[in-house]
Each structure stands twice: as C-alpha cells, then as structure tokens.
C-alpha cells in the first residue's frame, strides 16, 4: 500500500474473507482526506480503492 499511497497514515484495518481469500479492508488519511482500500492479505496487492 505504501507504494500506491505514499505518506498515507492508516487509521483502521480489518481482516476479512472474500471468495478469493483473506483481504485487509483499510481506512487511511491522505492529505487530510479519509480514503479506503482493499489489500490482498496474501501478497499485498491493492485490489481496489475509493
């Protein structure tokens, strides 16, 4: 996630299960704006963001 969103500060993280396996649902602050991202818990790939 650090490569995709430099200087982001994670404010919340929840481990969840999806059909393909475990994911991290993360909320973070980036430049004063709250954003969300889903990250593959196995390989760290960013799956989607708002």
N, C-alpha and C. Protein backbone atom coordinates (compact mmCIF):
# COMPACT_ATOMS: atom_id res chain seq x y z
N UNK A 1 0.82 -1.18 0.00
CA UNK A 1 0.00 0.00 0.00
C UNK A 1 0.86 1.24 0.00
N UNK A 2 2.02 1.19 0.63
CA UNK A 2 2.88 2.37 0.72
C UNK A 2 3.31 2.87 -0.65
N UNK A 3 3.51 1.98 -1.61
CA UNK A 3 3.90 2.40 -2.95
C UNK A 3 2.74 3.09 -3.68
N UNK A 4 1.53 2.60 -3.45
CA UNK A 4 0.37 3.16 -4.13
C UNK A 4 -0.09 4.48 -3.51
N UNK A 5 0.11 4.63 -2.20
CA UNK A 5 -0.37 5.82 -1.47
C UNK A 5 0.73 6.33 -0.55
N UNK A 6 1.79 6.95 -1.09
CA UNK A 6 2.87 7.45 -0.24
C UNK A 6 2.36 8.50 0.75
N UNK A 7 2.90 8.50 1.93
CA UNK A 7 2.56 9.44 3.02
C UNK A 7 1.19 9.18 3.64
N UNK A 8 0.55 8.07 3.31
CA UNK A 8 -0.74 7.74 3.91
C UNK A 8 -0.54 7.26 5.34
N UNK A 9 -1.50 7.56 6.20
CA UNK A 9 -1.47 7.11 7.59
C UNK A 9 -2.70 6.24 7.82
N UNK A 10 -2.47 4.95 8.07
CA UNK A 10 -3.57 4.00 8.28
C UNK A 10 -4.27 4.34 9.60
N UNK A 11 -5.60 4.45 9.54
CA UNK A 11 -6.38 4.77 10.74
C UNK A 11 -7.20 3.58 11.22
N UNK A 12 -7.44 2.60 10.34
CA UNK A 12 -8.22 1.42 10.71
C UNK A 12 -7.90 0.29 9.73
N UNK A 13 -7.81 -0.93 10.25
CA UNK A 13 -7.58 -2.10 9.40
C UNK A 13 -8.37 -3.27 9.95
N UNK A 14 -9.05 -3.98 9.05
CA UNK A 14 -9.85 -5.13 9.44
C UNK A 14 -9.58 -6.27 8.47
N UNK A 15 -9.23 -7.44 9.02
CA UNK A 15 -9.01 -8.62 8.20
C UNK A 15 -10.36 -9.27 7.91
N UNK A 16 -10.61 -9.53 6.63
CA UNK A 16 -11.90 -10.08 6.21
C UNK A 16 -11.65 -11.21 5.21
N UNK A 17 -12.68 -11.98 4.94
CA UNK A 17 -12.61 -13.06 3.95
C UNK A 17 -13.49 -12.71 2.76
N UNK A 18 -12.96 -12.94 1.58
CA UNK A 18 -13.73 -12.83 0.34
C UNK A 18 -13.64 -14.17 -0.36
N UNK A 19 -14.35 -14.34 -1.43
CA UNK A 19 -14.35 -15.60 -2.16
C UNK A 19 -12.96 -16.08 -2.56
N UNK A 20 -12.06 -15.14 -2.85
CA UNK A 20 -10.71 -15.50 -3.30
C UNK A 20 -9.73 -15.67 -2.14
N UNK A 21 -10.13 -15.34 -0.92
CA UNK A 21 -9.24 -15.47 0.22
C UNK A 21 -9.27 -14.25 1.11
N UNK A 22 -8.29 -14.15 2.02
CA UNK A 22 -8.29 -13.06 3.00
C UNK A 22 -7.87 -11.72 2.39
N UNK A 23 -8.52 -10.67 2.85
CA UNK A 23 -8.16 -9.31 2.44
C UNK A 23 -8.12 -8.40 3.66
N UNK A 24 -7.34 -7.35 3.56
CA UNK A 24 -7.36 -6.28 4.55
C UNK A 24 -8.24 -5.17 4.00
N UNK A 25 -9.25 -4.77 4.78
CA UNK A 25 -10.04 -3.58 4.47
C UNK A 25 -9.45 -2.47 5.32
N UNK A 26 -8.85 -1.48 4.67
CA UNK A 26 -8.12 -0.44 5.39
C UNK A 26 -8.69 0.93 5.11
N UNK A 27 -8.73 1.75 6.17
CA UNK A 27 -9.05 3.17 6.04
C UNK A 27 -7.77 3.92 6.35
N UNK A 28 -7.56 5.01 5.62
CA UNK A 28 -6.35 5.79 5.85
C UNK A 28 -6.59 7.26 5.55
N UNK A 29 -5.72 8.07 6.10
CA UNK A 29 -5.76 9.51 5.90
C UNK A 29 -4.66 9.87 4.90
N UNK A 30 -5.02 10.59 3.87
CA UNK A 30 -4.06 11.02 2.86
C UNK A 30 -4.35 12.48 2.53
N UNK A 31 -3.48 13.34 3.01
CA UNK A 31 -3.65 14.76 2.76
C UNK A 31 -4.90 15.35 3.39
N UNK A 32 -5.29 14.84 4.57
CA UNK A 32 -6.44 15.35 5.26
C UNK A 32 -7.77 14.76 4.79
N UNK A 33 -7.71 13.81 3.89
CA UNK A 33 -8.93 13.18 3.36
C UNK A 33 -8.92 11.70 3.70
N UNK A 34 -10.04 11.19 4.25
CA UNK A 34 -10.13 9.77 4.56
C UNK A 34 -10.45 9.00 3.30
N UNK A 35 -9.71 7.90 3.10
CA UNK A 35 -9.92 7.03 1.95
C UNK A 35 -9.97 5.59 2.42
N UNK A 36 -10.38 4.69 1.53
CA UNK A 36 -10.45 3.26 1.85
C UNK A 36 -9.77 2.48 0.74
N UNK A 37 -9.22 1.34 1.13
CA UNK A 37 -8.55 0.46 0.16
C UNK A 37 -8.70 -0.98 0.61
N UNK A 38 -8.81 -1.89 -0.34
CA UNK A 38 -8.79 -3.33 -0.06
C UNK A 38 -7.45 -3.87 -0.54
N UNK A 39 -6.80 -4.66 0.33
CA UNK A 39 -5.47 -5.19 0.03
C UNK A 39 -5.49 -6.70 0.20
N UNK A 40 -4.95 -7.43 -0.77
CA UNK A 40 -4.84 -8.88 -0.69
C UNK A 40 -3.92 -9.22 0.49
N UNK A 41 -4.43 -9.98 1.46
CA UNK A 41 -3.66 -10.31 2.66
C UNK A 41 -2.54 -11.31 2.37
N UNK A 42 -2.61 -12.02 1.26
CA UNK A 42 -1.57 -12.98 0.92
C UNK A 42 -0.36 -12.34 0.25
N UNK A 43 -0.60 -11.41 -0.68
CA UNK A 43 0.53 -10.87 -1.45
C UNK A 43 0.69 -9.36 -1.37
N UNK A 44 -0.20 -8.65 -0.68
CA UNK A 44 -0.08 -7.21 -0.51
C UNK A 44 -0.55 -6.37 -1.68
N UNK A 45 -1.13 -7.00 -2.70
CA UNK A 45 -1.60 -6.26 -3.88
C UNK A 45 -2.84 -5.44 -3.52
N UNK A 46 -2.86 -4.20 -4.02
CA UNK A 46 -4.04 -3.34 -3.86
C UNK A 46 -5.12 -3.84 -4.80
N UNK A 47 -6.28 -4.17 -4.24
CA UNK A 47 -7.39 -4.73 -5.02
C UNK A 47 -8.36 -3.67 -5.49
N UNK A 48 -8.48 -2.60 -4.75
CA UNK A 48 -9.39 -1.53 -5.13
C UNK A 48 -9.37 -0.44 -4.08
N UNK A 49 -9.73 0.76 -4.50
CA UNK A 49 -9.78 1.89 -3.56
C UNK A 49 -10.88 2.84 -3.99
N UNK A 50 -11.23 3.74 -3.08
CA UNK A 50 -12.24 4.74 -3.43
C UNK A 50 -11.59 5.97 -4.00
